Amino acid sequence: MTIDRSSAAALVTHETDTLADLGIGYPANHFAWRVILDSARERGARSLVEIGVGGGNGVPHVLAAGLDFAGIDNVPEKVDVTRAILRDLGGDPASVVVADAEDAASMAALPGAGSFDTLVGLGIMPHVDDRAAVTANLAALVRPGGELFLEFRNSLFSLVTFNRFTRSFIVDDLLAGRSHQIRQRVGDFVAERVDMARPPLPSSGHEAYYDNPLAVVPQFERLGYDEVSVHPFHYHAAMPVLESSDPQAFRDESLAMEDDDSGWRGLFLCSAFLLRLVTPA
């Protein structure tokens, strides 16, 4: 089979041309893939494995960049969809399998396990309890000196959302270790000044995990990974509650920010970040 990289590139171009379309959700992963594949090209990567393939949207990006694609998901239907996309583009459907990131044995059955140059996990870590164990499972899929990109939700963004997450961050994170009396007073003060009804509580009753990008770097350095760095993405031009007042302007400004070198501002204006890790050679 010959991979049809031109068709894959056409799909990526179409996605790029429709970024501002309000008929689709905010295309955050498009910008995550830019960061990932720019780094993969710089490092001369030839293969990539995606953890949590979802609807297969990453396949065209990877193939268009000239890399071989493999992946896993713990939902068989998502694996089927991704295999179909890969097959249509001339790839090998057998390179996508049903497996669970929390089950090292299931991932070891993936063809090529241990030899991939780059690993990507979008939407995985916010739902994982034991980050160290799962990251070790993922790192076992790449070669020594291989690169991992893991998405985390950004807790620092809470400082500009002015909602219940703002109160939670200030009381539970910023004031961790302070007395109950002080934290209660601060919590009451903040609750009167933010929208405690937003965002709605999750139907499952379990919140996803949010992480401070300033804290995760030393955490993963202590676990022995090399070149640990943070790459913010999914910008917000202002507080999310204001988006409905002028959604097109909000979208256009947010997209423009994705291409800017915002420096420290991205740590507060992005609701997600990629953590880049390199395994010891």
Protein backbone atom coordinates (compact mmCIF):
# COMPACT_ATOMS: atom_id res chain seq x y z
CA MET A 1 0.00 0.00 0.00
CA THR A 2 1.23 3.50 -0.86
CA ILE A 3 0.28 6.26 1.56
CA ASP A 4 -1.62 9.05 -0.18
CA ARG A 5 0.08 11.97 1.50
CA SER A 6 -1.27 14.50 -1.01
CA SER A 7 -4.86 13.65 -0.05
CA ALA A 8 -3.90 13.85 3.61
CA ALA A 9 -2.38 17.28 3.00
CA ALA A 10 -5.57 18.40 1.23
CA LEU A 11 -7.60 17.43 4.31
CA VAL A 12 -5.28 19.45 6.54
CA THR A 13 -5.52 22.42 4.17
CA HIS A 14 -9.32 22.25 4.25
CA GLU A 15 -9.20 22.20 8.06
CA THR A 16 -6.90 25.22 8.03
CA ASP A 17 -9.26 27.10 5.71
CA THR A 18 -12.24 26.54 8.03
CA LEU A 19 -10.67 27.43 11.38
CA ALA A 20 -12.81 30.55 11.73
CA ASP A 21 -16.06 28.72 10.93
CA LEU A 22 -18.38 29.07 13.93
CA GLY A 23 -20.27 26.01 12.72
CA ILE A 24 -17.50 23.84 14.17
CA GLY A 25 -16.11 23.81 17.67
CA TYR A 26 -12.95 25.65 18.47
CA PRO A 27 -10.19 23.80 16.59
CA ALA A 28 -7.77 23.60 19.50
CA ASN A 29 -6.17 20.32 18.44
CA HIS A 30 -5.21 21.83 15.08
CA PHE A 31 -2.74 24.05 16.93
CA ALA A 32 -1.57 21.24 19.17
CA TRP A 33 -0.67 19.23 16.06
CA ARG A 34 1.31 22.19 14.71
CA VAL A 35 3.51 22.21 17.80
CA ILE A 36 3.89 18.43 17.81
CA LEU A 37 4.73 18.01 14.14
CA ASP A 38 7.08 21.00 14.00
CA SER A 39 9.11 19.36 16.75
CA ALA A 40 8.90 15.93 15.09
CA ARG A 41 10.28 17.38 11.84
CA GLU A 42 13.11 19.15 13.65
CA ARG A 43 14.09 15.89 15.32
CA GLY A 44 13.88 13.87 12.12
CA ALA A 45 11.04 11.67 13.41
CA ARG A 46 9.67 9.02 11.07
CA SER A 47 6.89 7.46 13.15
CA LEU A 48 4.22 8.62 15.58
CA VAL A 49 1.77 6.83 17.85
CA GLU A 50 -1.36 8.55 19.12
CA ILE A 51 -2.96 7.53 22.41
CA GLY A 52 -6.71 8.05 22.24
CA VAL A 53 -7.25 8.34 18.50
CA GLY A 54 -10.87 9.46 18.90
CA GLY A 55 -12.40 10.18 15.51
CA GLY A 56 -9.11 9.82 13.64
CA ASN A 57 -8.68 13.56 13.10
CA GLY A 58 -4.97 13.32 13.73
CA VAL A 59 -4.32 10.84 10.92
CA PRO A 60 -4.21 13.38 8.04
CA HIS A 61 -1.91 15.69 10.02
CA VAL A 62 0.57 12.90 10.69
CA LEU A 63 0.56 11.43 7.19
CA ALA A 64 0.78 14.85 5.53
CA ALA A 65 3.88 15.52 7.63
CA GLY A 66 5.51 12.43 6.17
CA LEU A 67 5.33 10.26 9.29
CA ASP A 68 3.94 6.76 9.71
CA PHE A 69 0.87 6.61 11.96
CA ALA A 70 -0.09 4.16 14.67
CA GLY A 71 -2.56 4.50 17.51
CA ILE A 72 -4.68 3.06 20.27
CA ASP A 73 -8.04 3.77 21.85
CA ASN A 74 -10.02 1.95 24.50
CA VAL A 75 -13.26 2.38 22.54
CA PRO A 76 -13.54 -0.19 19.71
CA GLU A 77 -15.84 2.03 17.63
CA LYS A 78 -13.25 4.81 17.60
CA VAL A 79 -10.59 2.36 16.52
CA ASP A 80 -12.84 1.25 13.64
CA VAL A 81 -13.38 4.85 12.49
CA THR A 82 -9.66 5.63 12.61
CA ARG A 83 -8.77 2.44 10.76
CA ALA A 84 -11.19 3.41 7.98
CA ILE A 85 -9.60 6.85 7.63
CA LEU A 86 -6.13 5.34 7.61
CA ARG A 87 -7.18 2.74 5.02
CA ASP A 88 -8.65 5.44 2.75
CA LEU A 89 -5.32 7.27 2.85
CA GLY A 90 -3.30 4.18 2.03
CA GLY A 91 -2.12 3.44 5.56
CA ASP A 92 -2.13 0.15 7.46
CA PRO A 93 -5.32 -0.31 9.50
CA ALA A 94 -3.57 -2.95 11.63
CA SER A 95 -1.44 -0.16 13.12
CA VAL A 96 -4.42 1.01 15.18
CA VAL A 97 -5.56 -1.30 17.98
CA VAL A 98 -7.87 -1.42 20.98
CA ALA A 99 -5.80 -0.85 24.12
CA ASP A 100 -5.90 1.08 27.39
CA ALA A 101 -3.21 3.52 28.49
CA GLU A 102 -3.63 2.29 32.06
CA ASP A 103 -2.97 -1.32 30.98
CA ALA A 104 0.66 -1.74 29.90
CA ALA A 105 0.08 -5.30 28.69
CA SER A 106 -2.65 -4.23 26.26
CA MET A 107 -0.42 -1.55 24.74
CA ALA A 108 2.52 -3.91 24.38
CA ALA A 109 0.49 -5.75 21.70
CA LEU A 110 0.68 -2.68 19.42
CA PRO A 111 2.90 -3.41 16.40
CA GLY A 112 6.08 -1.37 16.75
CA ALA A 113 5.73 -0.86 20.50
CA GLY A 114 8.99 0.49 21.87
CA SER A 115 10.25 1.89 18.57
CA PHE A 116 8.15 5.01 17.89
CA ASP A 117 9.91 8.36 17.58
CA THR A 118 7.00 10.47 18.84
CA LEU A 119 3.98 9.84 21.06
CA VAL A 120 0.91 12.06 21.36
CA GLY A 121 -1.79 11.91 24.03
CA LEU A 122 -4.56 14.50 23.69
CA GLY A 123 -7.38 14.40 26.23
CA ILE A 124 -5.91 11.51 28.24
CA MET A 125 -4.12 12.96 31.26
CA PRO A 126 -7.06 15.04 32.60
CA HIS A 127 -8.83 11.74 33.35
CA VAL A 128 -5.93 9.74 34.77
CA ASP A 129 -5.40 9.21 38.50
CA ASP A 130 -1.86 7.79 38.50
CA ARG A 131 0.01 10.10 36.12
CA ALA A 132 3.44 8.61 36.83
CA ALA A 133 2.34 5.04 36.05
CA VAL A 134 0.42 5.96 32.90
CA THR A 135 3.25 8.13 31.60
CA ALA A 136 5.65 5.24 32.15
CA ASN A 137 3.30 3.01 30.13
CA LEU A 138 3.29 5.56 27.32
CA ALA A 139 7.04 6.10 27.42
CA ALA A 140 7.52 2.36 26.90
CA LEU A 141 6.04 2.76 23.41
CA VAL A 142 8.78 5.11 22.18
CA ARG A 143 12.45 4.45 21.52
CA PRO A 144 15.17 5.67 23.92
CA GLY A 145 15.41 9.41 23.38
CA GLY A 146 11.85 9.42 22.00
CA GLU A 147 9.52 12.37 22.43
CA LEU A 148 6.14 12.52 24.20
CA PHE A 149 3.51 15.26 23.97
CA LEU A 150 0.80 15.02 26.62
CA GLU A 151 -2.13 17.42 26.93
CA PHE A 152 -3.12 18.82 30.31
CA ARG A 153 -5.87 21.24 31.26
CA ASN A 154 -4.48 24.51 32.57
CA SER A 155 -5.47 25.44 36.12
CA LEU A 156 -3.88 28.91 35.82
CA PHE A 157 -6.57 29.79 33.26
CA SER A 158 -8.98 29.78 36.22
CA LEU A 159 -7.56 33.12 37.34
CA VAL A 160 -9.17 34.87 34.35
CA THR A 161 -12.40 32.89 33.97
CA PHE A 162 -14.21 34.55 36.90
CA ASN A 163 -16.31 31.45 37.59
CA ARG A 164 -16.41 28.64 40.16
CA PHE A 165 -13.00 27.44 38.97
CA THR A 166 -11.54 30.81 40.03
CA ARG A 167 -12.74 30.31 43.60
CA SER A 168 -11.55 26.71 43.64
CA PHE A 169 -8.06 27.61 42.41
CA ILE A 170 -7.59 30.44 44.89
CA VAL A 171 -8.94 28.52 47.90
CA ASP A 172 -7.66 25.02 47.18
CA ASP A 173 -4.42 25.69 45.29
CA LEU A 174 -3.15 29.20 45.95
CA LEU A 175 -4.04 29.10 49.67
CA ALA A 176 -3.23 25.43 50.24
CA GLY A 177 -1.93 24.98 53.77
CA ARG A 178 -3.56 28.10 55.17
CA SER A 179 -6.08 27.85 57.99
CA HIS A 180 -9.66 26.80 57.36
CA GLN A 181 -10.81 30.16 58.74
CA ILE A 182 -8.78 32.18 56.25
CA ARG A 183 -9.68 29.95 53.33
CA GLN A 184 -13.37 30.14 54.18
CA ARG A 185 -13.29 33.92 54.35
CA VAL A 186 -11.48 34.18 51.05
CA GLY A 187 -13.82 31.62 49.47
CA ASP A 188 -16.87 33.64 50.52
CA PHE A 189 -15.27 36.84 49.25
CA VAL A 190 -14.46 35.38 45.83
CA ALA A 191 -17.82 33.57 45.48
CA GLU A 192 -19.63 36.91 45.70
CA ARG A 193 -17.61 38.26 42.79
CA VAL A 194 -17.61 35.40 40.27
CA ASP A 195 -20.26 33.34 38.50
CA MET A 196 -20.47 30.23 40.68
CA ALA A 197 -23.02 28.65 38.29
CA ARG A 198 -20.45 28.38 35.49
CA PRO A 199 -19.35 26.10 34.05
CA PRO A 200 -22.13 23.56 34.67
CA LEU A 201 -21.19 20.61 36.83
CA PRO A 202 -20.27 17.50 34.79
CA SER A 203 -23.08 14.99 34.37
CA SER A 204 -20.79 12.21 35.59
CA GLY A 205 -20.21 14.04 38.85
CA HIS A 206 -16.44 13.76 38.37
CA GLU A 207 -14.44 16.82 37.35
CA ALA A 208 -11.52 16.41 34.99
CA TYR A 209 -8.12 17.17 36.52
CA TYR A 210 -6.58 20.60 36.01
CA ASP A 211 -2.83 21.14 36.34
CA ASN A 212 -0.58 24.09 36.99
CA PRO A 213 2.00 24.27 34.17
CA LEU A 214 4.49 25.82 36.59
CA ALA A 215 4.26 22.78 38.84
CA VAL A 216 4.25 19.88 36.38
CA VAL A 217 7.71 20.56 34.95
CA PRO A 218 9.61 19.79 38.18
CA GLN A 219 7.26 16.87 38.86
CA PHE A 220 8.21 15.17 35.60
CA GLU A 221 11.86 16.13 35.87
CA ARG A 222 11.94 14.23 39.15
CA LEU A 223 10.51 11.22 37.32
CA GLY A 224 13.62 11.17 35.14
CA TYR A 225 12.38 12.62 31.84
CA ASP A 226 14.65 14.92 29.83
CA GLU A 227 13.89 18.30 28.19
CA VAL A 228 10.60 18.81 30.02
CA SER A 229 8.80 21.86 28.64
CA VAL A 230 5.33 23.45 28.46
CA HIS A 231 3.59 24.58 25.26
CA PRO A 232 0.27 26.42 25.86
CA PHE A 233 -2.53 26.23 23.28
CA HIS A 234 -6.30 26.80 23.00
CA TYR A 235 -6.27 30.53 23.56
CA HIS A 236 -9.20 32.58 24.78
CA ALA A 237 -9.41 36.21 23.77
CA ALA A 238 -11.30 37.01 26.98
CA MET A 239 -13.39 35.33 29.68
CA PRO A 240 -15.39 32.48 28.10
CA VAL A 241 -18.66 33.94 29.42
CA LEU A 242 -18.19 36.93 27.07
CA GLU A 243 -17.87 34.83 23.92
CA SER A 244 -21.61 34.84 23.19
CA SER A 245 -21.66 38.64 22.93
CA ASP A 246 -19.57 38.59 19.73
CA PRO A 247 -18.61 35.00 18.87
CA GLN A 248 -16.90 35.74 15.55
CA ALA A 249 -14.67 38.43 17.01
CA PHE A 250 -13.88 36.14 19.93
CA ARG A 251 -12.97 33.30 17.54
CA ASP A 252 -10.88 35.51 15.26
CA GLU A 253 -8.94 37.05 18.15
CA SER A 254 -8.34 33.65 19.75
CA LEU A 255 -7.06 32.18 16.49
CA ALA A 256 -4.72 35.12 16.00
CA MET A 257 -3.27 34.53 19.45
CA GLU A 258 -2.42 30.92 18.58
CA ASP A 259 0.13 32.19 16.07
CA ASP A 260 1.61 34.85 18.37
CA ASP A 261 4.57 34.34 20.67
CA SER A 262 2.65 35.34 23.78
CA GLY A 263 5.31 34.28 26.25
CA TRP A 264 4.04 34.16 29.82
CA ARG A 265 0.55 35.31 28.77
CA GLY A 266 -0.18 31.87 27.32
CA LEU A 267 0.10 30.41 30.80
CA PHE A 268 -3.04 32.35 31.77
CA LEU A 269 -4.97 32.78 28.50
CA CYS A 270 -4.81 29.15 27.34
CA SER A 271 -7.13 26.52 28.76
CA ALA A 272 -4.75 23.68 27.83
CA PHE A 273 -1.06 23.00 27.44
CA LEU A 274 1.17 20.33 25.98
CA LEU A 275 3.83 18.88 28.20
CA ARG A 276 6.80 17.79 26.10
CA LEU A 277 8.98 15.02 27.52
CA VAL A 278 12.02 13.26 26.10
CA THR A 279 12.83 9.80 27.40
CA PRO A 280 16.41 9.07 28.49
CA ALA A 281 18.56 7.87 25.60
